[in-house]
């Protein structure tokens, strides 16, 4: 989210990481 809350589907938890760089 814009507040950096994060959610994953169960099948990718522990393997995938989402992140954002607002400056870019």
PDBML (XML) file of the C-alpha atoms, coordinates in Angstrom:
<?xml version="1.0" encoding="UTF-8" ?>
<PDBx:datablock datablockName="MODEL"
   xmlns:PDBx="http://pdbml.pdb.org/schema/pdbx-v50.xsd"
   xmlns:xsi="http://www.w3.org/2001/XMLSchema-instance"
   xsi:schemaLocation="http://pdbml.pdb.org/schema/pdbx-v50.xsd pdbx-v50.xsd">
   <PDBx:atom_siteCategory>
      <PDBx:atom_site id="1">
         <PDBx:B_iso_or_equiv>0.00</PDBx:B_iso_or_equiv>
         <PDBx:Cartn_x>0.000</PDBx:Cartn_x>
         <PDBx:Cartn_y>0.000</PDBx:Cartn_y>
         <PDBx:Cartn_z>0.000</PDBx:Cartn_z>
         <PDBx:auth_asym_id>A</PDBx:auth_asym_id>
         <PDBx:auth_atom_id>CA</PDBx:auth_atom_id>
         <PDBx:auth_comp_id>UNK</PDBx:auth_comp_id>
         <PDBx:auth_seq_id>1</PDBx:auth_seq_id>
         <PDBx:group_PDB>ATOM</PDBx:group_PDB>
         <PDBx:label_alt_id xsi:nil="true" />
         <PDBx:label_asym_id>A</PDBx:label_asym_id>
         <PDBx:label_atom_id>CA</PDBx:label_atom_id>
         <PDBx:label_comp_id>UNK</PDBx:label_comp_id>
         <PDBx:label_entity_id>1</PDBx:label_entity_id>
         <PDBx:label_seq_id>1</PDBx:label_seq_id>
         <PDBx:occupancy>1.00</PDBx:occupancy>
         <PDBx:pdbx_PDB_model_num>1</PDBx:pdbx_PDB_model_num>
         <PDBx:type_symbol>C</PDBx:type_symbol>
      </PDBx:atom_site>
      <PDBx:atom_site id="2">
         <PDBx:B_iso_or_equiv>0.00</PDBx:B_iso_or_equiv>
         <PDBx:Cartn_x>1.001</PDBx:Cartn_x>
         <PDBx:Cartn_y>3.636</PDBx:Cartn_y>
         <PDBx:Cartn_z>-0.115</PDBx:Cartn_z>
         <PDBx:auth_asym_id>A</PDBx:auth_asym_id>
         <PDBx:auth_atom_id>CA</PDBx:auth_atom_id>
         <PDBx:auth_comp_id>UNK</PDBx:auth_comp_id>
         <PDBx:auth_seq_id>2</PDBx:auth_seq_id>
         <PDBx:group_PDB>ATOM</PDBx:group_PDB>
         <PDBx:label_alt_id xsi:nil="true" />
         <PDBx:label_asym_id>A</PDBx:label_asym_id>
         <PDBx:label_atom_id>CA</PDBx:label_atom_id>
         <PDBx:label_comp_id>UNK</PDBx:label_comp_id>
         <PDBx:label_entity_id>1</PDBx:label_entity_id>
         <PDBx:label_seq_id>2</PDBx:label_seq_id>
         <PDBx:occupancy>1.00</PDBx:occupancy>
         <PDBx:pdbx_PDB_model_num>1</PDBx:pdbx_PDB_model_num>
         <PDBx:type_symbol>C</PDBx:type_symbol>
      </PDBx:atom_site>
      <PDBx:atom_site id="3">
         <PDBx:B_iso_or_equiv>0.00</PDBx:B_iso_or_equiv>
         <PDBx:Cartn_x>1.548</PDBx:Cartn_x>
         <PDBx:Cartn_y>3.300</PDBx:Cartn_y>
         <PDBx:Cartn_z>3.644</PDBx:Cartn_z>
         <PDBx:auth_asym_id>A</PDBx:auth_asym_id>
         <PDBx:auth_atom_id>CA</PDBx:auth_atom_id>
         <PDBx:auth_comp_id>UNK</PDBx:auth_comp_id>
         <PDBx:auth_seq_id>3</PDBx:auth_seq_id>
         <PDBx:group_PDB>ATOM</PDBx:group_PDB>
         <PDBx:label_alt_id xsi:nil="true" />
         <PDBx:label_asym_id>A</PDBx:label_asym_id>
         <PDBx:label_atom_id>CA</PDBx:label_atom_id>
         <PDBx:label_comp_id>UNK</PDBx:label_comp_id>
         <PDBx:label_entity_id>1</PDBx:label_entity_id>
         <PDBx:label_seq_id>3</PDBx:label_seq_id>
         <PDBx:occupancy>1.00</PDBx:occupancy>
         <PDBx:pdbx_PDB_model_num>1</PDBx:pdbx_PDB_model_num>
         <PDBx:type_symbol>C</PDBx:type_symbol>
      </PDBx:atom_site>
      <PDBx:atom_site id="4">
         <PDBx:B_iso_or_equiv>0.00</PDBx:B_iso_or_equiv>
         <PDBx:Cartn_x>3.810</PDBx:Cartn_x>
         <PDBx:Cartn_y>0.267</PDBx:Cartn_y>
         <PDBx:Cartn_z>2.967</PDBx:Cartn_z>
         <PDBx:auth_asym_id>A</PDBx:auth_asym_id>
         <PDBx:auth_atom_id>CA</PDBx:auth_atom_id>
         <PDBx:auth_comp_id>UNK</PDBx:auth_comp_id>
         <PDBx:auth_seq_id>4</PDBx:auth_seq_id>
         <PDBx:group_PDB>ATOM</PDBx:group_PDB>
         <PDBx:label_alt_id xsi:nil="true" />
         <PDBx:label_asym_id>A</PDBx:label_asym_id>
         <PDBx:label_atom_id>CA</PDBx:label_atom_id>
         <PDBx:label_comp_id>UNK</PDBx:label_comp_id>
         <PDBx:label_entity_id>1</PDBx:label_entity_id>
         <PDBx:label_seq_id>4</PDBx:label_seq_id>
         <PDBx:occupancy>1.00</PDBx:occupancy>
         <PDBx:pdbx_PDB_model_num>1</PDBx:pdbx_PDB_model_num>
         <PDBx:type_symbol>C</PDBx:type_symbol>
      </PDBx:atom_site>
      <PDBx:atom_site id="5">
         <PDBx:B_iso_or_equiv>0.00</PDBx:B_iso_or_equiv>
         <PDBx:Cartn_x>1.399</PDBx:Cartn_x>
         <PDBx:Cartn_y>-2.285</PDBx:Cartn_y>
         <PDBx:Cartn_z>4.358</PDBx:Cartn_z>
         <PDBx:auth_asym_id>A</PDBx:auth_asym_id>
         <PDBx:auth_atom_id>CA</PDBx:auth_atom_id>
         <PDBx:auth_comp_id>UNK</PDBx:auth_comp_id>
         <PDBx:auth_seq_id>5</PDBx:auth_seq_id>
         <PDBx:group_PDB>ATOM</PDBx:group_PDB>
         <PDBx:label_alt_id xsi:nil="true" />
         <PDBx:label_asym_id>A</PDBx:label_asym_id>
         <PDBx:label_atom_id>CA</PDBx:label_atom_id>
         <PDBx:label_comp_id>UNK</PDBx:label_comp_id>
         <PDBx:label_entity_id>1</PDBx:label_entity_id>
         <PDBx:label_seq_id>5</PDBx:label_seq_id>
         <PDBx:occupancy>1.00</PDBx:occupancy>
         <PDBx:pdbx_PDB_model_num>1</PDBx:pdbx_PDB_model_num>
         <PDBx:type_symbol>C</PDBx:type_symbol>
      </PDBx:atom_site>
      <PDBx:atom_site id="6">
         <PDBx:B_iso_or_equiv>0.00</PDBx:B_iso_or_equiv>
         <PDBx:Cartn_x>2.195</PDBx:Cartn_x>
         <PDBx:Cartn_y>-5.600</PDBx:Cartn_y>
         <PDBx:Cartn_z>2.664</PDBx:Cartn_z>
         <PDBx:auth_asym_id>A</PDBx:auth_asym_id>
         <PDBx:auth_atom_id>CA</PDBx:auth_atom_id>
         <PDBx:auth_comp_id>UNK</PDBx:auth_comp_id>
         <PDBx:auth_seq_id>6</PDBx:auth_seq_id>
         <PDBx:group_PDB>ATOM</PDBx:group_PDB>
         <PDBx:label_alt_id xsi:nil="true" />
         <PDBx:label_asym_id>A</PDBx:label_asym_id>
         <PDBx:label_atom_id>CA</PDBx:label_atom_id>
         <PDBx:label_comp_id>UNK</PDBx:label_comp_id>
         <PDBx:label_entity_id>1</PDBx:label_entity_id>
         <PDBx:label_seq_id>6</PDBx:label_seq_id>
         <PDBx:occupancy>1.00</PDBx:occupancy>
         <PDBx:pdbx_PDB_model_num>1</PDBx:pdbx_PDB_model_num>
         <PDBx:type_symbol>C</PDBx:type_symbol>
      </PDBx:atom_site>
      <PDBx:atom_site id="7">
         <PDBx:B_iso_or_equiv>0.00</PDBx:B_iso_or_equiv>
         <PDBx:Cartn_x>0.192</PDBx:Cartn_x>
         <PDBx:Cartn_y>-8.697</PDBx:Cartn_y>
         <PDBx:Cartn_z>1.824</PDBx:Cartn_z>
         <PDBx:auth_asym_id>A</PDBx:auth_asym_id>
         <PDBx:auth_atom_id>CA</PDBx:auth_atom_id>
         <PDBx:auth_comp_id>UNK</PDBx:auth_comp_id>
         <PDBx:auth_seq_id>7</PDBx:auth_seq_id>
         <PDBx:group_PDB>ATOM</PDBx:group_PDB>
         <PDBx:label_alt_id xsi:nil="true" />
         <PDBx:label_asym_id>A</PDBx:label_asym_id>
         <PDBx:label_atom_id>CA</PDBx:label_atom_id>
         <PDBx:label_comp_id>UNK</PDBx:label_comp_id>
         <PDBx:label_entity_id>1</PDBx:label_entity_id>
         <PDBx:label_seq_id>7</PDBx:label_seq_id>
         <PDBx:occupancy>1.00</PDBx:occupancy>
         <PDBx:pdbx_PDB_model_num>1</PDBx:pdbx_PDB_model_num>
         <PDBx:type_symbol>C</PDBx:type_symbol>
      </PDBx:atom_site>
      <PDBx:atom_site id="8">
         <PDBx:B_iso_or_equiv>0.00</PDBx:B_iso_or_equiv>
         <PDBx:Cartn_x>1.147</PDBx:Cartn_x>
         <PDBx:Cartn_y>-11.923</PDBx:Cartn_y>
         <PDBx:Cartn_z>0.012</PDBx:Cartn_z>
         <PDBx:auth_asym_id>A</PDBx:auth_asym_id>
         <PDBx:auth_atom_id>CA</PDBx:auth_atom_id>
         <PDBx:auth_comp_id>UNK</PDBx:auth_comp_id>
         <PDBx:auth_seq_id>8</PDBx:auth_seq_id>
         <PDBx:group_PDB>ATOM</PDBx:group_PDB>
         <PDBx:label_alt_id xsi:nil="true" />
         <PDBx:label_asym_id>A</PDBx:label_asym_id>
         <PDBx:label_atom_id>CA</PDBx:label_atom_id>
         <PDBx:label_comp_id>UNK</PDBx:label_comp_id>
         <PDBx:label_entity_id>1</PDBx:label_entity_id>
         <PDBx:label_seq_id>8</PDBx:label_seq_id>
         <PDBx:occupancy>1.00</PDBx:occupancy>
         <PDBx:pdbx_PDB_model_num>1</PDBx:pdbx_PDB_model_num>
         <PDBx:type_symbol>C</PDBx:type_symbol>
      </PDBx:atom_site>
      <PDBx:atom_site id="9">
         <PDBx:B_iso_or_equiv>0.00</PDBx:B_iso_or_equiv>
         <PDBx:Cartn_x>-0.754</PDBx:Cartn_x>
         <PDBx:Cartn_y>-14.881</PDBx:Cartn_y>
         <PDBx:Cartn_z>-1.336</PDBx:Cartn_z>
         <PDBx:auth_asym_id>A</PDBx:auth_asym_id>
         <PDBx:auth_atom_id>CA</PDBx:auth_atom_id>
         <PDBx:auth_comp_id>UNK</PDBx:auth_comp_id>
         <PDBx:auth_seq_id>9</PDBx:auth_seq_id>
         <PDBx:group_PDB>ATOM</PDBx:group_PDB>
         <PDBx:label_alt_id xsi:nil="true" />
         <PDBx:label_asym_id>A</PDBx:label_asym_id>
         <PDBx:label_atom_id>CA</PDBx:label_atom_id>
         <PDBx:label_comp_id>UNK</PDBx:label_comp_id>
         <PDBx:label_entity_id>1</PDBx:label_entity_id>
         <PDBx:label_seq_id>9</PDBx:label_seq_id>
         <PDBx:occupancy>1.00</PDBx:occupancy>
         <PDBx:pdbx_PDB_model_num>1</PDBx:pdbx_PDB_model_num>
         <PDBx:type_symbol>C</PDBx:type_symbol>
      </PDBx:atom_site>
      <PDBx:atom_site id="10">
         <PDBx:B_iso_or_equiv>0.00</PDBx:B_iso_or_equiv>
         <PDBx:Cartn_x>0.037</PDBx:Cartn_x>
         <PDBx:Cartn_y>-17.905</PDBx:Cartn_y>
         <PDBx:Cartn_z>0.833</PDBx:Cartn_z>
         <PDBx:auth_asym_id>A</PDBx:auth_asym_id>
         <PDBx:auth_atom_id>CA</PDBx:auth_atom_id>
         <PDBx:auth_comp_id>UNK</PDBx:auth_comp_id>
         <PDBx:auth_seq_id>10</PDBx:auth_seq_id>
         <PDBx:group_PDB>ATOM</PDBx:group_PDB>
         <PDBx:label_alt_id xsi:nil="true" />
         <PDBx:label_asym_id>A</PDBx:label_asym_id>
         <PDBx:label_atom_id>CA</PDBx:label_atom_id>
         <PDBx:label_comp_id>UNK</PDBx:label_comp_id>
         <PDBx:label_entity_id>1</PDBx:label_entity_id>
         <PDBx:label_seq_id>10</PDBx:label_seq_id>
         <PDBx:occupancy>1.00</PDBx:occupancy>
         <PDBx:pdbx_PDB_model_num>1</PDBx:pdbx_PDB_model_num>
         <PDBx:type_symbol>C</PDBx:type_symbol>
      </PDBx:atom_site>
      <PDBx:atom_site id="11">
         <PDBx:B_iso_or_equiv>0.00</PDBx:B_iso_or_equiv>
         <PDBx:Cartn_x>1.850</PDBx:Cartn_x>
         <PDBx:Cartn_y>-19.781</PDBx:Cartn_y>
         <PDBx:Cartn_z>-1.935</PDBx:Cartn_z>
         <PDBx:auth_asym_id>A</PDBx:auth_asym_id>
         <PDBx:auth_atom_id>CA</PDBx:auth_atom_id>
         <PDBx:auth_comp_id>UNK</PDBx:auth_comp_id>
         <PDBx:auth_seq_id>11</PDBx:auth_seq_id>
         <PDBx:group_PDB>ATOM</PDBx:group_PDB>
         <PDBx:label_alt_id xsi:nil="true" />
         <PDBx:label_asym_id>A</PDBx:label_asym_id>
         <PDBx:label_atom_id>CA</PDBx:label_atom_id>
         <PDBx:label_comp_id>UNK</PDBx:label_comp_id>
         <PDBx:label_entity_id>1</PDBx:label_entity_id>
         <PDBx:label_seq_id>11</PDBx:label_seq_id>
         <PDBx:occupancy>1.00</PDBx:occupancy>
         <PDBx:pdbx_PDB_model_num>1</PDBx:pdbx_PDB_model_num>
         <PDBx:type_symbol>C</PDBx:type_symbol>
      </PDBx:atom_site>
      <PDBx:atom_site id="12">
         <PDBx:B_iso_or_equiv>0.00</PDBx:B_iso_or_equiv>
         <PDBx:Cartn_x>4.649</PDBx:Cartn_x>
         <PDBx:Cartn_y>-17.185</PDBx:Cartn_y>
         <PDBx:Cartn_z>-2.171</PDBx:Cartn_z>
         <PDBx:auth_asym_id>A</PDBx:auth_asym_id>
         <PDBx:auth_atom_id>CA</PDBx:auth_atom_id>
         <PDBx:auth_comp_id>UNK</PDBx:auth_comp_id>
         <PDBx:auth_seq_id>12</PDBx:auth_seq_id>
         <PDBx:group_PDB>ATOM</PDBx:group_PDB>
         <PDBx:label_alt_id xsi:nil="true" />
         <PDBx:label_asym_id>A</PDBx:label_asym_id>
         <PDBx:label_atom_id>CA</PDBx:label_atom_id>
         <PDBx:label_comp_id>UNK</PDBx:label_comp_id>
         <PDBx:label_entity_id>1</PDBx:label_entity_id>
         <PDBx:label_seq_id>12</PDBx:label_seq_id>
         <PDBx:occupancy>1.00</PDBx:occupancy>
         <PDBx:pdbx_PDB_model_num>1</PDBx:pdbx_PDB_model_num>
         <PDBx:type_symbol>C</PDBx:type_symbol>
      </PDBx:atom_site>
      <PDBx:atom_site id="13">
         <PDBx:B_iso_or_equiv>0.00</PDBx:B_iso_or_equiv>
         <PDBx:Cartn_x>5.102</PDBx:Cartn_x>
         <PDBx:Cartn_y>-16.259</PDBx:Cartn_y>
         <PDBx:Cartn_z>1.493</PDBx:Cartn_z>
         <PDBx:auth_asym_id>A</PDBx:auth_asym_id>
         <PDBx:auth_atom_id>CA</PDBx:auth_atom_id>
         <PDBx:auth_comp_id>UNK</PDBx:auth_comp_id>
         <PDBx:auth_seq_id>13</PDBx:auth_seq_id>
         <PDBx:group_PDB>ATOM</PDBx:group_PDB>
         <PDBx:label_alt_id xsi:nil="true" />
         <PDBx:label_asym_id>A</PDBx:label_asym_id>
         <PDBx:label_atom_id>CA</PDBx:label_atom_id>
         <PDBx:label_comp_id>UNK</PDBx:label_comp_id>
         <PDBx:label_entity_id>1</PDBx:label_entity_id>
         <PDBx:label_seq_id>13</PDBx:label_seq_id>
         <PDBx:occupancy>1.00</PDBx:occupancy>
         <PDBx:pdbx_PDB_model_num>1</PDBx:pdbx_PDB_model_num>
         <PDBx:type_symbol>C</PDBx:type_symbol>
      </PDBx:atom_site>
      <PDBx:atom_site id="14">
         <PDBx:B_iso_or_equiv>0.00</PDBx:B_iso_or_equiv>
         <PDBx:Cartn_x>8.725</PDBx:Cartn_x>
         <PDBx:Cartn_y>-16.612</PDBx:Cartn_y>
         <PDBx:Cartn_z>2.525</PDBx:Cartn_z>
         <PDBx:auth_asym_id>A</PDBx:auth_asym_id>
         <PDBx:auth_atom_id>CA</PDBx:auth_atom_id>
         <PDBx:auth_comp_id>UNK</PDBx:auth_comp_id>
         <PDBx:auth_seq_id>14</PDBx:auth_seq_id>
         <PDBx:group_PDB>ATOM</PDBx:group_PDB>
         <PDBx:label_alt_id xsi:nil="true" />
         <PDBx:label_asym_id>A</PDBx:label_asym_id>
         <PDBx:label_atom_id>CA</PDBx:label_atom_id>
         <PDBx:label_comp_id>UNK</PDBx:label_comp_id>
         <PDBx:label_entity_id>1</PDBx:label_entity_id>
         <PDBx:label_seq_id>14</PDBx:label_seq_id>
         <PDBx:occupancy>1.00</PDBx:occupancy>
         <PDBx:pdbx_PDB_model_num>1</PDBx:pdbx_PDB_model_num>
         <PDBx:type_symbol>C</PDBx:type_symbol>
      </PDBx:atom_site>
      <PDBx:atom_site id="15">
         <PDBx:B_iso_or_equiv>0.00</PDBx:B_iso_or_equiv>
         <PDBx:Cartn_x>9.895</PDBx:Cartn_x>
         <PDBx:Cartn_y>-16.717</PDBx:Cartn_y>
         <PDBx:Cartn_z>-1.103</PDBx:Cartn_z>
         <PDBx:auth_asym_id>A</PDBx:auth_asym_id>
         <PDBx:auth_atom_id>CA</PDBx:auth_atom_id>
         <PDBx:auth_comp_id>UNK</PDBx:auth_comp_id>
         <PDBx:auth_seq_id>15</PDBx:auth_seq_id>
         <PDBx:group_PDB>ATOM</PDBx:group_PDB>
         <PDBx:label_alt_id xsi:nil="true" />
         <PDBx:label_asym_id>A</PDBx:label_asym_id>
         <PDBx:label_atom_id>CA</PDBx:label_atom_id>
         <PDBx:label_comp_id>UNK</PDBx:label_comp_id>
         <PDBx:label_entity_id>1</PDBx:label_entity_id>
         <PDBx:label_seq_id>15</PDBx:label_seq_id>
         <PDBx:occupancy>1.00</PDBx:occupancy>
         <PDBx:pdbx_PDB_model_num>1</PDBx:pdbx_PDB_model_num>
         <PDBx:type_symbol>C</PDBx:type_symbol>
      </PDBx:atom_site>
      <PDBx:atom_site id="16">
         <PDBx:B_iso_or_equiv>0.00</PDBx:B_iso_or_equiv>
         <PDBx:Cartn_x>8.776</PDBx:Cartn_x>
         <PDBx:Cartn_y>-13.427</PDBx:Cartn_y>
         <PDBx:Cartn_z>-2.673</PDBx:Cartn_z>
         <PDBx:auth_asym_id>A</PDBx:auth_asym_id>
         <PDBx:auth_atom_id>CA</PDBx:auth_atom_id>
         <PDBx:auth_comp_id>UNK</PDBx:auth_comp_id>
         <PDBx:auth_seq_id>16</PDBx:auth_seq_id>
         <PDBx:group_PDB>ATOM</PDBx:group_PDB>
         <PDBx:label_alt_id xsi:nil="true" />
         <PDBx:label_asym_id>A</PDBx:label_asym_id>
         <PDBx:label_atom_id>CA</PDBx:label_atom_id>
         <PDBx:label_comp_id>UNK</PDBx:label_comp_id>
         <PDBx:label_entity_id>1</PDBx:label_entity_id>
         <PDBx:label_seq_id>16</PDBx:label_seq_id>
         <PDBx:occupancy>1.00</PDBx:occupancy>
         <PDBx:pdbx_PDB_model_num>1</PDBx:pdbx_PDB_model_num>
         <PDBx:type_symbol>C</PDBx:type_symbol>
      </PDBx:atom_site>
      <PDBx:atom_site id="17">
         <PDBx:B_iso_or_equiv>0.00</PDBx:B_iso_or_equiv>
         <PDBx:Cartn_x>9.349</PDBx:Cartn_x>
         <PDBx:Cartn_y>-9.881</PDBx:Cartn_y>
         <PDBx:Cartn_z>-1.431</PDBx:Cartn_z>
         <PDBx:auth_asym_id>A</PDBx:auth_asym_id>
         <PDBx:auth_atom_id>CA</PDBx:auth_atom_id>
         <PDBx:auth_comp_id>UNK</PDBx:auth_comp_id>
         <PDBx:auth_seq_id>17</PDBx:auth_seq_id>
         <PDBx:group_PDB>ATOM</PDBx:group_PDB>
         <PDBx:label_alt_id xsi:nil="true" />
         <PDBx:label_asym_id>A</PDBx:label_asym_id>
         <PDBx:label_atom_id>CA</PDBx:label_atom_id>
         <PDBx:label_comp_id>UNK</PDBx:label_comp_id>
         <PDBx:label_entity_id>1</PDBx:label_entity_id>
         <PDBx:label_seq_id>17</PDBx:label_seq_id>
         <PDBx:occupancy>1.00</PDBx:occupancy>
         <PDBx:pdbx_PDB_model_num>1</PDBx:pdbx_PDB_model_num>
         <PDBx:type_symbol>C</PDBx:type_symbol>
      </PDBx:atom_site>
      <PDBx:atom_site id="18">
         <PDBx:B_iso_or_equiv>0.00</PDBx:B_iso_or_equiv>
         <PDBx:Cartn_x>7.535</PDBx:Cartn_x>
         <PDBx:Cartn_y>-6.802</PDBx:Cartn_y>
         <PDBx:Cartn_z>-2.683</PDBx:Cartn_z>
         <PDBx:auth_asym_id>A</PDBx:auth_asym_id>
         <PDBx:auth_atom_id>CA</PDBx:auth_atom_id>
         <PDBx:auth_comp_id>UNK</PDBx:auth_comp_id>
         <PDBx:auth_seq_id>18</PDBx:auth_seq_id>
         <PDBx:group_PDB>ATOM</PDBx:group_PDB>
         <PDBx:label_alt_id xsi:nil="true" />
         <PDBx:label_asym_id>A</PDBx:label_asym_id>
         <PDBx:label_atom_id>CA</PDBx:label_atom_id>
         <PDBx:label_comp_id>UNK</PDBx:label_comp_id>
         <PDBx:label_entity_id>1</PDBx:label_entity_id>
         <PDBx:label_seq_id>18</PDBx:label_seq_id>
         <PDBx:occupancy>1.00</PDBx:occupancy>
         <PDBx:pdbx_PDB_model_num>1</PDBx:pdbx_PDB_model_num>
         <PDBx:type_symbol>C</PDBx:type_symbol>
      </PDBx:atom_site>
      <PDBx:atom_site id="19">
         <PDBx:B_iso_or_equiv>0.00</PDBx:B_iso_or_equiv>
         <PDBx:Cartn_x>9.034</PDBx:Cartn_x>
         <PDBx:Cartn_y>-3.348</PDBx:Cartn_y>
         <PDBx:Cartn_z>-2.203</PDBx:Cartn_z>
         <PDBx:auth_asym_id>A</PDBx:auth_asym_id>
         <PDBx:auth_atom_id>CA</PDBx:auth_atom_id>
         <PDBx:auth_comp_id>UNK</PDBx:auth_comp_id>
         <PDBx:auth_seq_id>19</PDBx:auth_seq_id>
         <PDBx:group_PDB>ATOM</PDBx:group_PDB>
         <PDBx:label_alt_id xsi:nil="true" />
         <PDBx:label_asym_id>A</PDBx:label_asym_id>
         <PDBx:label_atom_id>CA</PDBx:label_atom_id>
         <PDBx:label_comp_id>UNK</PDBx:label_comp_id>
         <PDBx:label_entity_id>1</PDBx:label_entity_id>
         <PDBx:label_seq_id>19</PDBx:label_seq_id>
         <PDBx:occupancy>1.00</PDBx:occupancy>
         <PDBx:pdbx_PDB_model_num>1</PDBx:pdbx_PDB_model_num>
         <PDBx:type_symbol>C</PDBx:type_symbol>
      </PDBx:atom_site>
      <PDBx:atom_site id="20">
         <PDBx:B_iso_or_equiv>0.00</PDBx:B_iso_or_equiv>
         <PDBx:Cartn_x>8.638</PDBx:Cartn_x>
         <PDBx:Cartn_y>0.150</PDBx:Cartn_y>
         <PDBx:Cartn_z>-3.579</PDBx:Cartn_z>
         <PDBx:auth_asym_id>A</PDBx:auth_asym_id>
         <PDBx:auth_atom_id>CA</PDBx:auth_atom_id>
         <PDBx:auth_comp_id>UNK</PDBx:auth_comp_id>
         <PDBx:auth_seq_id>20</PDBx:auth_seq_id>
         <PDBx:group_PDB>ATOM</PDBx:group_PDB>
         <PDBx:label_alt_id xsi:nil="true" />
         <PDBx:label_asym_id>A</PDBx:label_asym_id>
         <PDBx:label_atom_id>CA</PDBx:label_atom_id>
         <PDBx:label_comp_id>UNK</PDBx:label_comp_id>
         <PDBx:label_entity_id>1</PDBx:label_entity_id>
         <PDBx:label_seq_id>20</PDBx:label_seq_id>
         <PDBx:occupancy>1.00</PDBx:occupancy>
         <PDBx:pdbx_PDB_model_num>1</PDBx:pdbx_PDB_model_num>
         <PDBx:type_symbol>C</PDBx:type_symbol>
      </PDBx:atom_site>
      <PDBx:atom_site id="21">
         <PDBx:B_iso_or_equiv>0.00</PDBx:B_iso_or_equiv>
         <PDBx:Cartn_x>10.916</PDBx:Cartn_x>
         <PDBx:Cartn_y>3.106</PDBx:Cartn_y>
         <PDBx:Cartn_z>-4.193</PDBx:Cartn_z>
         <PDBx:auth_asym_id>A</PDBx:auth_asym_id>
         <PDBx:auth_atom_id>CA</PDBx:auth_atom_id>
         <PDBx:auth_comp_id>UNK</PDBx:auth_comp_id>
         <PDBx:auth_seq_id>21</PDBx:auth_seq_id>
         <PDBx:group_PDB>ATOM</PDBx:group_PDB>
         <PDBx:label_alt_id xsi:nil="true" />
         <PDBx:label_asym_id>A</PDBx:label_asym_id>
         <PDBx:label_atom_id>CA</PDBx:label_atom_id>
         <PDBx:label_comp_id>UNK</PDBx:label_comp_id>
         <PDBx:label_entity_id>1</PDBx:label_entity_id>
         <PDBx:label_seq_id>21</PDBx:label_seq_id>
         <PDBx:occupancy>1.00</PDBx:occupancy>
         <PDBx:pdbx_PDB_model_num>1</PDBx:pdbx_PDB_model_num>
         <PDBx:type_symbol>C</PDBx:type_symbol>
      </PDBx:atom_site>
      <PDBx:atom_site id="22">
         <PDBx:B_iso_or_equiv>0.00</PDBx:B_iso_or_equiv>
         <PDBx:Cartn_x>8.799</PDBx:Cartn_x>
         <PDBx:Cartn_y>6.231</PDBx:Cartn_y>
         <PDBx:Cartn_z>-4.362</PDBx:Cartn_z>
         <PDBx:auth_asym_id>A</PDBx:auth_asym_id>
         <PDBx:auth_atom_id>CA</PDBx:auth_atom_id>
         <PDBx:auth_comp_id>UNK</PDBx:auth_comp_id>
         <PDBx:auth_seq_id>22</PDBx:auth_seq_id>
         <PDBx:group_PDB>ATOM</PDBx:group_PDB>
         <PDBx:label_alt_id xsi:nil="true" />
         <PDBx:label_asym_id>A</PDBx:label_asym_id>
         <PDBx:label_atom_id>CA</PDBx:label_atom_id>
         <PDBx:label_comp_id>UNK</PDBx:label_comp_id>
         <PDBx:label_entity_id>1</PDBx:label_entity_id>
         <PDBx:label_seq_id>22</PDBx:label_seq_id>
         <PDBx:occupancy>1.00</PDBx:occupancy>
         <PDBx:pdbx_PDB_model_num>1</PDBx:pdbx_PDB_model_num>
         <PDBx:type_symbol>C</PDBx:type_symbol>
      </PDBx:atom_site>
      <PDBx:atom_site id="23">
         <PDBx:B_iso_or_equiv>0.00</PDBx:B_iso_or_equiv>
         <PDBx:Cartn_x>11.767</PDBx:Cartn_x>
         <PDBx:Cartn_y>8.355</PDBx:Cartn_y>
         <PDBx:Cartn_z>-5.466</PDBx:Cartn_z>
         <PDBx:auth_asym_id>A</PDBx:auth_asym_id>
         <PDBx:auth_atom_id>CA</PDBx:auth_atom_id>
         <PDBx:auth_comp_id>UNK</PDBx:auth_comp_id>
         <PDBx:auth_seq_id>23</PDBx:auth_seq_id>
         <PDBx:group_PDB>ATOM</PDBx:group_PDB>
         <PDBx:label_alt_id xsi:nil="true" />
         <PDBx:label_asym_id>A</PDBx:label_asym_id>
         <PDBx:label_atom_id>CA</PDBx:label_atom_id>
         <PDBx:label_comp_id>UNK</PDBx:label_comp_id>
         <PDBx:label_entity_id>1</PDBx:label_entity_id>
         <PDBx:label_seq_id>23</PDBx:label_seq_id>
         <PDBx:occupancy>1.00</PDBx:occupancy>
         <PDBx:pdbx_PDB_model_num>1</PDBx:pdbx_PDB_model_num>
         <PDBx:type_symbol>C</PDBx:type_symbol>
      </PDBx:atom_site>
      <PDBx:atom_site id="24">
         <PDBx:B_iso_or_equiv>0.00</PDBx:B_iso_or_equiv>
         <PDBx:Cartn_x>12.087</PDBx:Cartn_x>
         <PDBx:Cartn_y>6.164</PDBx:Cartn_y>
         <PDBx:Cartn_z>-8.569</PDBx:Cartn_z>
         <PDBx:auth_asym_id>A</PDBx:auth_asym_id>
         <PDBx:auth_atom_id>CA</PDBx:auth_atom_id>
         <PDBx:auth_comp_id>UNK</PDBx:auth_comp_id>
         <PDBx:auth_seq_id>24</PDBx:auth_seq_id>
         <PDBx:group_PDB>ATOM</PDBx:group_PDB>
         <PDBx:label_alt_id xsi:nil="true" />
         <PDBx:label_asym_id>A</PDBx:label_asym_id>
         <PDBx:label_atom_id>CA</PDBx:label_atom_id>
         <PDBx:label_comp_id>UNK</PDBx:label_comp_id>
         <PDBx:label_entity_id>1</PDBx:label_entity_id>
         <PDBx:label_seq_id>24</PDBx:label_seq_id>
         <PDBx:occupancy>1.00</PDBx:occupancy>
         <PDBx:pdbx_PDB_model_num>1</PDBx:pdbx_PDB_model_num>
         <PDBx:type_symbol>C</PDBx:type_symbol>
      </PDBx:atom_site>
   </PDBx:atom_siteCategory>
</PDBx:datablock>
